[in-house]
Structure formats: C-alpha cells, structure tokens
Amino acid sequence: METVAVVLSVGREHQEAFERGFREHELKVWQDLHGRGSLARATLSRLDISTQEVEGAVQYLVVAIFATGEGHGEHDDHPGFKAWNGIADTYQVAGAQAFGGETILHLPD
C-alpha cells in the first residue's frame, strides 16, 4: 500500500473551475483505477489549515491511497490524468507540494 498527498494552490478566481474540472476529469480516473483495484481510496479537500499559505490562493489537499506501489505509476500514466493535469496546472499560482511513500499503518474501512 502506498499513500500520496499533494497540496495544490489554486488562484481564488479559478476555484469553481478547478473544482468542476476535478469532478469532470480526475474523478473519472479515480473511479477507473478503483474499479481495477489499484486505487483503494482518494480524497480532495479544500484546506482551512495550512502552515504554507499562498496569498491569493485556495489550497487543496489531494490524497490517494494505492493498493500497491505500482498504482501510483498507473495513475500518473493514465491518459485522463495527463489531460486533467495539463488543465489543472493553468489554475495554480504556486508550485505543487507532493509527498508519498509506503503506508505503514491504516484503519480498515
């Protein structure tokens, strides 16, 4: 199992477009990978707490928990993600922060 977390800083003026686009594009990728068993769980959260605030931005935390280490690569190689990533980049006003690694402890559903 592998967990990946990404913090995105989206310009306030793009908040609605980003959230709509995420639902239209990335959610489909998540559903596809979940259906194949490679994505165990994923969330998109609008952050109210951040130690690295970016002026003029709404920050989002994207968390994906993959069944195996290969799932992350499967996600990043997914044509739907590649298309969405290009769109999402245009909404960001600061570089993304990414973190990930082997999940060592979790509560079952």
PDB file of N, CA and C in Angstrom:
ATOM      1  N   MET A   1       0.842  -1.167   0.000  1.00  0.00           N
ATOM      2  CA  MET A   1       0.000   0.000   0.000  1.00  0.00           C
ATOM      3  C   MET A   1       0.891   1.235   0.000  1.00  0.00           C
ATOM      4  N   GLU A   2       0.507   2.249  -0.785  1.00  0.00           N
ATOM      5  CA  GLU A   2       1.268   3.486  -0.894  1.00  0.00           C
ATOM      6  C   GLU A   2       0.315   4.673  -0.792  1.00  0.00           C
ATOM      7  N   THR A   3       0.723   5.687  -0.032  1.00  0.00           N
ATOM      8  CA  THR A   3      -0.064   6.911   0.101  1.00  0.00           C
ATOM      9  C   THR A   3       0.678   8.056  -0.568  1.00  0.00           C
ATOM     10  N   VAL A   4      -0.062   8.836  -1.349  1.00  0.00           N
ATOM     11  CA  VAL A   4       0.479  10.022  -1.997  1.00  0.00           C
ATOM     12  C   VAL A   4      -0.415  11.196  -1.626  1.00  0.00           C
ATOM     13  N   ALA A   5       0.201  12.298  -1.203  1.00  0.00           N
ATOM     14  CA  ALA A   5      -0.531  13.515  -0.872  1.00  0.00           C
ATOM     15  C   ALA A   5       0.083  14.677  -1.641  1.00  0.00           C
ATOM     16  N   VAL A   6      -0.783  15.513  -2.195  1.00  0.00           N
ATOM     17  CA  VAL A   6      -0.337  16.663  -2.969  1.00  0.00           C
ATOM     18  C   VAL A   6      -1.113  17.887  -2.490  1.00  0.00           C
ATOM     19  N   VAL A   7      -0.408  18.992  -2.272  1.00  0.00           N
ATOM     20  CA  VAL A   7      -1.050  20.258  -1.944  1.00  0.00           C
ATOM     21  C   VAL A   7      -0.968  21.147  -3.180  1.00  0.00           C
ATOM     22  N   LEU A   8      -2.141  21.604  -3.639  1.00  0.00           N
ATOM     23  CA  LEU A   8      -2.233  22.484  -4.801  1.00  0.00           C
ATOM     24  C   LEU A   8      -2.693  23.858  -4.356  1.00  0.00           C
ATOM     25  N   SER A   9      -2.128  24.902  -4.925  1.00  0.00           N
ATOM     26  CA  SER A   9      -2.510  26.281  -4.629  1.00  0.00           C
ATOM     27  C   SER A   9      -3.144  26.876  -5.880  1.00  0.00           C
ATOM     28  N   VAL A  10      -4.469  26.973  -5.844  1.00  0.00           N
ATOM     29  CA  VAL A  10      -5.256  27.403  -6.997  1.00  0.00           C
ATOM     30  C   VAL A  10      -5.661  28.865  -6.798  1.00  0.00           C
ATOM     31  N   GLY A  11      -5.503  29.678  -7.819  1.00  0.00           N
ATOM     32  CA  GLY A  11      -5.917  31.073  -7.739  1.00  0.00           C
ATOM     33  C   GLY A  11      -7.390  31.167  -7.359  1.00  0.00           C
ATOM     34  N   ARG A  12      -7.698  32.069  -6.441  1.00  0.00           N
ATOM     35  CA  ARG A  12      -9.085  32.206  -5.955  1.00  0.00           C
ATOM     36  C   ARG A  12     -10.079  32.377  -7.099  1.00  0.00           C
ATOM     37  N   GLU A  13      -9.684  33.079  -8.137  1.00  0.00           N
ATOM     38  CA  GLU A  13     -10.581  33.307  -9.263  1.00  0.00           C
ATOM     39  C   GLU A  13     -10.845  32.041 -10.078  1.00  0.00           C
ATOM     40  N   HIS A  14     -10.070  30.985  -9.830  1.00  0.00           N
ATOM     41  CA  HIS A  14     -10.222  29.727 -10.568  1.00  0.00           C
ATOM     42  C   HIS A  14     -10.819  28.602  -9.708  1.00  0.00           C
ATOM     43  N   GLN A  15     -11.209  28.919  -8.487  1.00  0.00           N
ATOM     44  CA  GLN A  15     -11.692  27.894  -7.556  1.00  0.00           C
ATOM     45  C   GLN A  15     -12.835  27.075  -8.146  1.00  0.00           C
ATOM     46  N   GLU A  16     -13.867  27.720  -8.637  1.00  0.00           N
ATOM     47  CA  GLU A  16     -15.025  26.988  -9.169  1.00  0.00           C
ATOM     48  C   GLU A  16     -14.640  26.151 -10.382  1.00  0.00           C
ATOM     49  N   ALA A  17     -13.868  26.718 -11.284  1.00  0.00           N
ATOM     50  CA  ALA A  17     -13.443  25.981 -12.477  1.00  0.00           C
ATOM     51  C   ALA A  17     -12.589  24.782 -12.101  1.00  0.00           C
ATOM     52  N   PHE A  18     -11.700  24.961 -11.124  1.00  0.00           N
ATOM     53  CA  PHE A  18     -10.849  23.853 -10.687  1.00  0.00           C
ATOM     54  C   PHE A  18     -11.695  22.726 -10.103  1.00  0.00           C
ATOM     55  N   GLU A  19     -12.592  23.048  -9.199  1.00  0.00           N
ATOM     56  CA  GLU A  19     -13.413  22.016  -8.562  1.00  0.00           C
ATOM     57  C   GLU A  19     -14.319  21.321  -9.581  1.00  0.00           C
ATOM     58  N   ARG A  20     -14.893  22.078 -10.495  1.00  0.00           N
ATOM     59  CA  ARG A  20     -15.729  21.488 -11.546  1.00  0.00           C
ATOM     60  C   ARG A  20     -14.889  20.570 -12.435  1.00  0.00           C
ATOM     61  N   GLY A  21     -13.704  21.057 -12.834  1.00  0.00           N
ATOM     62  CA  GLY A  21     -12.818  20.254 -13.676  1.00  0.00           C
ATOM     63  C   GLY A  21     -12.340  18.999 -12.979  1.00  0.00           C
ATOM     64  N   PHE A  22     -12.067  19.099 -11.685  1.00  0.00           N
ATOM     65  CA  PHE A  22     -11.636  17.926 -10.933  1.00  0.00           C
ATOM     66  C   PHE A  22     -12.723  16.860 -10.966  1.00  0.00           C
ATOM     67  N   ARG A  23     -13.971  17.294 -10.748  1.00  0.00           N
ATOM     68  CA  ARG A  23     -15.089  16.338 -10.783  1.00  0.00           C
ATOM     69  C   ARG A  23     -15.263  15.725 -12.175  1.00  0.00           C
ATOM     70  N   GLU A  24     -15.103  16.549 -13.200  1.00  0.00           N
ATOM     71  CA  GLU A  24     -15.311  16.092 -14.580  1.00  0.00           C
ATOM     72  C   GLU A  24     -14.190  15.195 -15.093  1.00  0.00           C
ATOM     73  N   HIS A  25     -12.974  15.416 -14.631  1.00  0.00           N
ATOM     74  CA  HIS A  25     -11.820  14.713 -15.188  1.00  0.00           C
ATOM     75  C   HIS A  25     -11.184  13.719 -14.210  1.00  0.00           C
ATOM     76  N   GLU A  26     -10.652  14.217 -13.103  1.00  0.00           N
ATOM     77  CA  GLU A  26      -9.878  13.356 -12.200  1.00  0.00           C
ATOM     78  C   GLU A  26     -10.759  12.330 -11.498  1.00  0.00           C
ATOM     79  N   LEU A  27     -11.973  12.697 -11.159  1.00  0.00           N
ATOM     80  CA  LEU A  27     -12.862  11.735 -10.505  1.00  0.00           C
ATOM     81  C   LEU A  27     -13.066  10.504 -11.378  1.00  0.00           C
ATOM     82  N   LYS A  28     -13.157  10.689 -12.685  1.00  0.00           N
ATOM     83  CA  LYS A  28     -13.299   9.549 -13.609  1.00  0.00           C
ATOM     84  C   LYS A  28     -12.066   8.649 -13.569  1.00  0.00           C
ATOM     85  N   VAL A  29     -10.896   9.256 -13.454  1.00  0.00           N
ATOM     86  CA  VAL A  29      -9.647   8.480 -13.348  1.00  0.00           C
ATOM     87  C   VAL A  29      -9.686   7.673 -12.057  1.00  0.00           C
ATOM     88  N   TRP A  30     -10.056   8.315 -10.947  1.00  0.00           N
ATOM     89  CA  TRP A  30     -10.151   7.609  -9.673  1.00  0.00           C
ATOM     90  C   TRP A  30     -11.116   6.437  -9.768  1.00  0.00           C
ATOM     91  N   GLN A  31     -12.277   6.668 -10.375  1.00  0.00           N
ATOM     92  CA  GLN A  31     -13.279   5.598 -10.492  1.00  0.00           C
ATOM     93  C   GLN A  31     -12.744   4.439 -11.322  1.00  0.00           C
ATOM     94  N   ASP A  32     -12.035   4.742 -12.394  1.00  0.00           N
ATOM     95  CA  ASP A  32     -11.444   3.700 -13.234  1.00  0.00           C
ATOM     96  C   ASP A  32     -10.419   2.882 -12.446  1.00  0.00           C
ATOM     97  N   LEU A  33      -9.507   3.561 -11.768  1.00  0.00           N
ATOM     98  CA  LEU A  33      -8.467   2.851 -11.021  1.00  0.00           C
ATOM     99  C   LEU A  33      -9.041   2.105  -9.823  1.00  0.00           C
ATOM    100  N   HIS A  34     -10.038   2.665  -9.193  1.00  0.00           N
ATOM    101  CA  HIS A  34     -10.693   1.976  -8.073  1.00  0.00           C
ATOM    102  C   HIS A  34     -11.379   0.702  -8.580  1.00  0.00           C
ATOM    103  N   GLY A  35     -12.035   0.804  -9.706  1.00  0.00           N
ATOM    104  CA  GLY A  35     -12.689  -0.361 -10.302  1.00  0.00           C
ATOM    105  C   GLY A  35     -11.721  -1.473 -10.667  1.00  0.00           C
ATOM    106  N   ARG A  36     -10.490  -1.102 -10.998  1.00  0.00           N
ATOM    107  CA  ARG A  36      -9.461  -2.093 -11.327  1.00  0.00           C
ATOM    108  C   ARG A  36      -8.741  -2.616 -10.095  1.00  0.00           C
ATOM    109  N   GLY A  37      -9.045  -2.019  -8.939  1.00  0.00           N
ATOM    110  CA  GLY A  37      -8.432  -2.479  -7.695  1.00  0.00           C
ATOM    111  C   GLY A  37      -7.095  -1.852  -7.358  1.00  0.00           C
ATOM    112  N   SER A  38      -6.629  -0.900  -8.154  1.00  0.00           N
ATOM    113  CA  SER A  38      -5.318  -0.310  -7.860  1.00  0.00           C
ATOM    114  C   SER A  38      -5.403   0.923  -6.958  1.00  0.00           C
ATOM    115  N   LEU A  39      -6.574   1.560  -6.880  1.00  0.00           N
ATOM    116  CA  LEU A  39      -6.761   2.724  -6.003  1.00  0.00           C
ATOM    117  C   LEU A  39      -7.728   2.338  -4.897  1.00  0.00           C
ATOM    118  N   ALA A  40      -7.241   2.342  -3.668  1.00  0.00           N
ATOM    119  CA  ALA A  40      -8.070   1.935  -2.527  1.00  0.00           C
ATOM    120  C   ALA A  40      -8.980   3.065  -2.070  1.00  0.00           C
ATOM    121  N   ARG A  41      -8.451   4.281  -2.042  1.00  0.00           N
ATOM    122  CA  ARG A  41      -9.209   5.428  -1.535  1.00  0.00           C
ATOM    123  C   ARG A  41      -8.552   6.696  -2.046  1.00  0.00           C
ATOM    124  N   ALA A  42      -9.373   7.741  -2.241  1.00  0.00           N
ATOM    125  CA  ALA A  42      -8.838   9.031  -2.665  1.00  0.00           C
ATOM    126  C   ALA A  42      -9.768  10.138  -2.192  1.00  0.00           C
ATOM    127  N   THR A  43      -9.171  11.283  -1.866  1.00  0.00           N
ATOM    128  CA  THR A  43      -9.966  12.427  -1.419  1.00  0.00           C
ATOM    129  C   THR A  43      -9.409  13.722  -1.993  1.00  0.00           C
ATOM    130  N   LEU A  44     -10.313  14.687  -2.143  1.00  0.00           N
ATOM    131  CA  LEU A  44      -9.955  16.064  -2.458  1.00  0.00           C
ATOM    132  C   LEU A  44     -10.545  16.909  -1.343  1.00  0.00           C
ATOM    133  N   SER A  45      -9.700  17.688  -0.662  1.00  0.00           N
ATOM    134  CA  SER A  45     -10.152  18.523   0.454  1.00  0.00           C
ATOM    135  C   SER A  45      -9.702  19.964   0.246  1.00  0.00           C
ATOM    136  N   ARG A  46     -10.618  20.894   0.482  1.00  0.00           N
ATOM    137  CA  ARG A  46     -10.268  22.316   0.491  1.00  0.00           C
ATOM    138  C   ARG A  46      -9.694  22.604   1.871  1.00  0.00           C
ATOM    139  N   LEU A  47      -8.495  23.175   1.920  1.00  0.00           N
ATOM    140  CA  LEU A  47      -7.800  23.352   3.192  1.00  0.00           C
ATOM    141  C   LEU A  47      -8.231  24.630   3.919  1.00  0.00           C
ATOM    142  N   ASP A  48      -8.543  24.473   5.187  1.00  0.00           N
ATOM    143  CA  ASP A  48      -8.785  25.596   6.084  1.00  0.00           C
ATOM    144  C   ASP A  48      -7.558  25.858   6.951  1.00  0.00           C
ATOM    145  N   ILE A  49      -6.666  24.886   7.025  1.00  0.00           N
ATOM    146  CA  ILE A  49      -5.461  24.976   7.838  1.00  0.00           C
ATOM    147  C   ILE A  49      -4.262  24.692   6.930  1.00  0.00           C
ATOM    148  N   SER A  50      -3.283  25.587   6.974  1.00  0.00           N
ATOM    149  CA  SER A  50      -2.061  25.384   6.198  1.00  0.00           C
ATOM    150  C   SER A  50      -0.934  26.168   6.842  1.00  0.00           C
ATOM    151  N   THR A  51       0.204  25.546   7.004  1.00  0.00           N
ATOM    152  CA  THR A  51       1.377  26.260   7.510  1.00  0.00           C
ATOM    153  C   THR A  51       2.164  26.897   6.368  1.00  0.00           C
ATOM    154  N   GLN A  52       1.728  26.627   5.127  1.00  0.00           N
ATOM    155  CA  GLN A  52       2.392  27.170   3.944  1.00  0.00           C
ATOM    156  C   GLN A  52       1.370  27.888   3.061  1.00  0.00           C
ATOM    157  N   GLU A  53       0.618  28.816   3.623  1.00  0.00           N
ATOM    158  CA  GLU A  53      -0.398  29.529   2.856  1.00  0.00           C
ATOM    159  C   GLU A  53       0.238  30.277   1.687  1.00  0.00           C
ATOM    160  N   VAL A  54      -0.536  30.416   0.615  1.00  0.00           N
ATOM    161  CA  VAL A  54      -0.098  31.148  -0.567  1.00  0.00           C
ATOM    162  C   VAL A  54      -1.110  32.274  -0.787  1.00  0.00           C
ATOM    163  N   GLU A  55      -0.621  33.488  -0.813  1.00  0.00           N
ATOM    164  CA  GLU A  55      -1.501  34.638  -0.978  1.00  0.00           C
ATOM    165  C   GLU A  55      -2.281  34.546  -2.289  1.00  0.00           C
ATOM    166  N   GLY A  56      -3.583  34.803  -2.197  1.00  0.00           N
ATOM    167  CA  GLY A  56      -4.436  34.782  -3.384  1.00  0.00           C
ATOM    168  C   GLY A  56      -4.839  33.396  -3.832  1.00  0.00           C
ATOM    169  N   ALA A  57      -4.558  32.389  -3.015  1.00  0.00           N
ATOM    170  CA  ALA A  57      -4.833  31.006  -3.426  1.00  0.00           C
ATOM    171  C   ALA A  57      -5.793  30.312  -2.475  1.00  0.00           C
ATOM    172  N   VAL A  58      -6.547  29.389  -3.039  1.00  0.00           N
ATOM    173  CA  VAL A  58      -7.285  28.390  -2.275  1.00  0.00           C
ATOM    174  C   VAL A  58      -6.430  27.138  -2.358  1.00  0.00           C
ATOM    175  N   GLN A  59      -6.129  26.539  -1.216  1.00  0.00           N
ATOM    176  CA  GLN A  59      -5.278  25.347  -1.228  1.00  0.00           C
ATOM    177  C   GLN A  59      -6.125  24.089  -1.095  1.00  0.00           C
ATOM    178  N   TYR A  60      -5.692  23.067  -1.798  1.00  0.00           N
ATOM    179  CA  TYR A  60      -6.367  21.780  -1.809  1.00  0.00           C
ATOM    180  C   TYR A  60      -5.380  20.687  -1.440  1.00  0.00           C
ATOM    181  N   LEU A  61      -5.873  19.713  -0.708  1.00  0.00           N
ATOM    182  CA  LEU A  61      -5.099  18.518  -0.395  1.00  0.00           C
ATOM    183  C   LEU A  61      -5.713  17.362  -1.160  1.00  0.00           C
ATOM    184  N   VAL A  62      -4.906  16.732  -1.998  1.00  0.00           N
ATOM    185  CA  VAL A  62      -5.319  15.544  -2.735  1.00  0.00           C
ATOM    186  C   VAL A  62      -4.582  14.369  -2.107  1.00  0.00           C
ATOM    187  N   VAL A  63      -5.329  13.364  -1.656  1.00  0.00           N
ATOM    188  CA  VAL A  63      -4.725  12.179  -1.052  1.00  0.00           C
ATOM    189  C   VAL A  63      -5.205  10.952  -1.812  1.00  0.00           C
ATOM    190  N   ALA A  64      -4.271  10.127  -2.229  1.00  0.00           N
ATOM    191  CA  ALA A  64      -4.598   8.874  -2.908  1.00  0.00           C
ATOM    192  C   ALA A  64      -3.879   7.739  -2.191  1.00  0.00           C
ATOM    193  N   ILE A  65      -4.622   6.705  -1.880  1.00  0.00           N
ATOM    194  CA  ILE A  65      -4.043   5.520  -1.259  1.00  0.00           C
ATOM    195  C   ILE A  65      -4.159   4.382  -2.272  1.00  0.00           C
ATOM    196  N   PHE A  66      -3.006   3.939  -2.719  1.00  0.00           N
ATOM    197  CA  PHE A  66      -2.941   2.902  -3.747  1.00  0.00           C
ATOM    198  C   PHE A  66      -2.737   1.537  -3.106  1.00  0.00           C
ATOM    199  N   ALA A  67      -3.328   0.516  -3.710  1.00  0.00           N
ATOM    200  CA  ALA A  67      -3.217  -0.845  -3.184  1.00  0.00           C
ATOM    201  C   ALA A  67      -1.770  -1.340  -3.213  1.00  0.00           C
ATOM    202  N   THR A  68      -1.013  -0.903  -4.219  1.00  0.00           N
ATOM    203  CA  THR A  68       0.395  -1.294  -4.348  1.00  0.00           C
ATOM    204  C   THR A  68       1.197  -0.086  -4.817  1.00  0.00           C
ATOM    205  N   GLY A  69       2.494  -0.206  -4.788  1.00  0.00           N
ATOM    206  CA  GLY A  69       3.359   0.854  -5.273  1.00  0.00           C
ATOM    207  C   GLY A  69       3.196   1.118  -6.760  1.00  0.00           C
ATOM    208  N   GLU A  70       2.746   0.128  -7.510  1.00  0.00           N
ATOM    209  CA  GLU A  70       2.559   0.291  -8.952  1.00  0.00           C
ATOM    210  C   GLU A  70       1.357   1.172  -9.274  1.00  0.00           C
ATOM    211  N   GLY A  71       0.418   1.273  -8.346  1.00  0.00           N
ATOM    212  CA  GLY A  71      -0.791   2.060  -8.578  1.00  0.00           C
ATOM    213  C   GLY A  71      -0.506   3.525  -8.842  1.00  0.00           C
ATOM    214  N   HIS A  72       0.502   4.069  -8.169  1.00  0.00           N
ATOM    215  CA  HIS A  72       0.860   5.474  -8.373  1.00  0.00           C
ATOM    216  C   HIS A  72       1.294   5.711  -9.813  1.00  0.00           C
ATOM    217  N   GLY A  73       2.128   4.836 -10.318  1.00  0.00           N
ATOM    218  CA  GLY A  73       2.564   4.949 -11.710  1.00  0.00           C
ATOM    219  C   GLY A  73       1.413   4.760 -12.679  1.00  0.00           C
ATOM    220  N   GLU A  74       0.534   3.830 -12.355  1.00  0.00           N
ATOM    221  CA  GLU A  74      -0.646   3.598 -13.192  1.00  0.00           C
ATOM    222  C   GLU A  74      -1.491   4.876 -13.263  1.00  0.00           C
ATOM    223  N   HIS A  75      -1.625   5.556 -12.129  1.00  0.00           N
ATOM    224  CA  HIS A  75      -2.371   6.820 -12.106  1.00  0.00           C
ATOM    225  C   HIS A  75      -1.679   7.878 -12.966  1.00  0.00           C
ATOM    226  N   ASP A  76      -0.384   8.065 -12.740  1.00  0.00           N
ATOM    227  CA  ASP A  76       0.330   9.123 -13.449  1.00  0.00           C
ATOM    228  C   ASP A  76       0.424   8.878 -14.947  1.00  0.00           C
ATOM    229  N   ASP A  77       0.338   7.616 -15.375  1.00  0.00           N
ATOM    230  CA  ASP A  77       0.378   7.272 -16.795  1.00  0.00           C
ATOM    231  C   ASP A  77      -1.012   7.256 -17.438  1.00  0.00           C
ATOM    232  N   HIS A  78      -2.048   7.407 -16.641  1.00  0.00           N
ATOM    233  CA  HIS A  78      -3.421   7.349 -17.138  1.00  0.00           C
ATOM    234  C   HIS A  78      -3.683   8.533 -18.080  1.00  0.00           C
ATOM    235  N   PRO A  79      -4.200   8.292 -19.283  1.00  0.00           N
ATOM    236  CA  PRO A  79      -4.445   9.391 -20.222  1.00  0.00           C
ATOM    237  C   PRO A  79      -5.391  10.459 -19.662  1.00  0.00           C
ATOM    238  N   GLY A  80      -6.361  10.045 -18.864  1.00  0.00           N
ATOM    239  CA  GLY A  80      -7.283  11.003 -18.261  1.00  0.00           C
ATOM    240  C   GLY A  80      -6.579  11.928 -17.289  1.00  0.00           C
ATOM    241  N   PHE A  81      -5.653  11.373 -16.499  1.00  0.00           N
ATOM    242  CA  PHE A  81      -4.894  12.211 -15.572  1.00  0.00           C
ATOM    243  C   PHE A  81      -3.983  13.157 -16.331  1.00  0.00           C
ATOM    244  N   LYS A  82      -3.321  12.659 -17.353  1.00  0.00           N
ATOM    245  CA  LYS A  82      -2.414  13.517 -18.115  1.00  0.00           C
ATOM    246  C   LYS A  82      -3.160  14.706 -18.703  1.00  0.00           C
ATOM    247  N   ALA A  83      -4.351  14.468 -19.224  1.00  0.00           N
ATOM    248  CA  ALA A  83      -5.155  15.559 -19.786  1.00  0.00           C
ATOM    249  C   ALA A  83      -5.575  16.535 -18.694  1.00  0.00           C
ATOM    250  N   TRP A  84      -6.075  16.021 -17.568  1.00  0.00           N
ATOM    251  CA  TRP A  84      -6.514  16.881 -16.475  1.00  0.00           C
ATOM    252  C   TRP A  84      -5.344  17.647 -15.873  1.00  0.00           C
ATOM    253  N   ASN A  85      -4.209  17.018 -15.718  1.00  0.00           N
ATOM    254  CA  ASN A  85      -3.052  17.665 -15.112  1.00  0.00           C
ATOM    255  C   ASN A  85      -2.653  18.915 -15.901  1.00  0.00           C
ATOM    256  N   GLY A  86      -2.706  18.836 -17.211  1.00  0.00           N
ATOM    257  CA  GLY A  86      -2.389  19.996 -18.043  1.00  0.00           C
ATOM    258  C   GLY A  86      -3.362  21.140 -17.823  1.00  0.00           C
ATOM    259  N   ILE A  87      -4.633  20.821 -17.671  1.00  0.00           N
ATOM    260  CA  ILE A  87      -5.652  21.838 -17.403  1.00  0.00           C
ATOM    261  C   ILE A  87      -5.451  22.411 -16.005  1.00  0.00           C
ATOM    262  N   ALA A  88      -5.302  21.538 -15.024  1.00  0.00           N
ATOM    263  CA  ALA A  88      -5.184  21.964 -13.624  1.00  0.00           C
ATOM    264  C   ALA A  88      -3.972  22.864 -13.407  1.00  0.00           C
ATOM    265  N   ASP A  89      -2.896  22.607 -14.127  1.00  0.00           N
ATOM    266  CA  ASP A  89      -1.693  23.442 -13.987  1.00  0.00           C
ATOM    267  C   ASP A  89      -1.978  24.908 -14.291  1.00  0.00           C
ATOM    268  N   THR A  90      -2.926  25.182 -15.195  1.00  0.00           N
ATOM    269  CA  THR A  90      -3.213  26.570 -15.568  1.00  0.00           C
ATOM    270  C   THR A  90      -3.915  27.329 -14.443  1.00  0.00           C
ATOM    271  N   TYR A  91      -4.505  26.627 -13.486  1.00  0.00           N
ATOM    272  CA  TYR A  91      -5.212  27.261 -12.380  1.00  0.00           C
ATOM    273  C   TYR A  91      -4.300  27.550 -11.187  1.00  0.00           C
ATOM    274  N   GLN A  92      -3.124  26.968 -11.163  1.00  0.00           N
ATOM    275  CA  GLN A  92      -2.256  27.064  -9.994  1.00  0.00           C
ATOM    276  C   GLN A  92      -1.406  28.336 -10.012  1.00  0.00           C
ATOM    277  N   VAL A  93      -1.267  28.920  -8.823  1.00  0.00           N
ATOM    278  CA  VAL A  93      -0.490  30.158  -8.689  1.00  0.00           C
ATOM    279  C   VAL A  93       0.823  29.931  -7.945  1.00  0.00           C
ATOM    280  N   ALA A  94       1.091  28.692  -7.569  1.00  0.00           N
ATOM    281  CA  ALA A  94       2.349  28.316  -6.909  1.00  0.00           C
ATOM    282  C   ALA A  94       2.598  26.848  -7.226  1.00  0.00           C
ATOM    283  N   GLY A  95       3.834  26.441  -7.063  1.00  0.00           N
ATOM    284  CA  GLY A  95       4.185  25.046  -7.318  1.00  0.00           C
ATOM    285  C   GLY A  95       3.498  24.091  -6.366  1.00  0.00           C
ATOM    286  N   ALA A  96       3.173  22.928  -6.868  1.00  0.00           N
ATOM    287  CA  ALA A  96       2.549  21.891  -6.039  1.00  0.00           C
ATOM    288  C   ALA A  96       3.584  21.315  -5.081  1.00  0.00           C
ATOM    289  N   GLN A  97       3.101  20.862  -3.941  1.00  0.00           N
ATOM    290  CA  GLN A  97       3.943  20.143  -2.985  1.00  0.00           C
ATOM    291  C   GLN A  97       3.462  18.700  -2.982  1.00  0.00           C
ATOM    292  N   ALA A  98       4.357  17.759  -3.177  1.00  0.00           N
ATOM    293  CA  ALA A  98       3.979  16.353  -3.237  1.00  0.00           C
ATOM    294  C   ALA A  98       4.752  15.549  -2.200  1.00  0.00           C
ATOM    295  N   PHE A  99       4.055  14.589  -1.609  1.00  0.00           N
ATOM    296  CA  PHE A  99       4.630  13.714  -0.581  1.00  0.00           C
ATOM    297  C   PHE A  99       4.102  12.312  -0.831  1.00  0.00           C
ATOM    298  N   GLY A 100       4.890  11.306  -0.545  1.00  0.00           N
ATOM    299  CA  GLY A 100       4.375   9.952  -0.728  1.00  0.00           C
ATOM    300  C   GLY A 100       5.341   8.909  -0.211  1.00  0.00           C
ATOM    301  N   GLY A 101       4.777   7.735   0.004  1.00  0.00           N
ATOM    302  CA  GLY A 101       5.595   6.618   0.454  1.00  0.00           C
ATOM    303  C   GLY A 101       4.744   5.448   0.893  1.00  0.00           C
ATOM    304  N   GLU A 102       5.425   4.422   1.363  1.00  0.00           N
ATOM    305  CA  GLU A 102       4.767   3.205   1.812  1.00  0.00           C
ATOM    306  C   GLU A 102       3.874   3.512   3.010  1.00  0.00           C
ATOM    307  N   THR A 103       2.645   3.028   2.958  1.00  0.00           N
ATOM    308  CA  THR A 103       1.716   3.170   4.078  1.00  0.00           C
ATOM    309  C   THR A 103       2.075   2.108   5.094  1.00  0.00           C
ATOM    310  N   ILE A 104       2.370   2.533   6.318  1.00  0.00           N
ATOM    311  CA  ILE A 104       2.801   1.564   7.330  1.00  0.00           C
ATOM    312  C   ILE A 104       1.712   1.246   8.347  1.00  0.00           C
ATOM    313  N   LEU A 105       0.664   2.065   8.415  1.00  0.00           N
ATOM    314  CA  LEU A 105      -0.414   1.839   9.361  1.00  0.00           C
ATOM    315  C   LEU A 105      -1.679   2.476   8.836  1.00  0.00           C
ATOM    316  N   HIS A 106      -2.804   1.763   8.898  1.00  0.00           N
ATOM    317  CA  HIS A 106      -4.069   2.339   8.477  1.00  0.00           C
ATOM    318  C   HIS A 106      -5.226   1.619   9.162  1.00  0.00           C
ATOM    319  N   LEU A 107      -6.338   2.321   9.264  1.00  0.00           N
ATOM    320  CA  LEU A 107      -7.560   1.706   9.772  1.00  0.00           C
ATOM    321  C   LEU A 107      -8.327   1.135   8.593  1.00  0.00           C
ATOM    322  N   PRO A 108      -8.846  -0.057   8.710  1.00  0.00           N
ATOM    323  CA  PRO A 108      -9.650  -0.596   7.602  1.00  0.00           C
ATOM    324  C   PRO A 108     -10.977   0.153   7.518  1.00  0.00           C
ATOM    325  N   ASP A 109     -11.599   0.076   6.353  1.00  0.00           N
ATOM    326  CA  ASP A 109     -12.916   0.719   6.163  1.00  0.00           C
ATOM    327  C   ASP A 109     -13.940   0.134   7.086  1.00  0.00           C
TER     328      ASP A 109
END
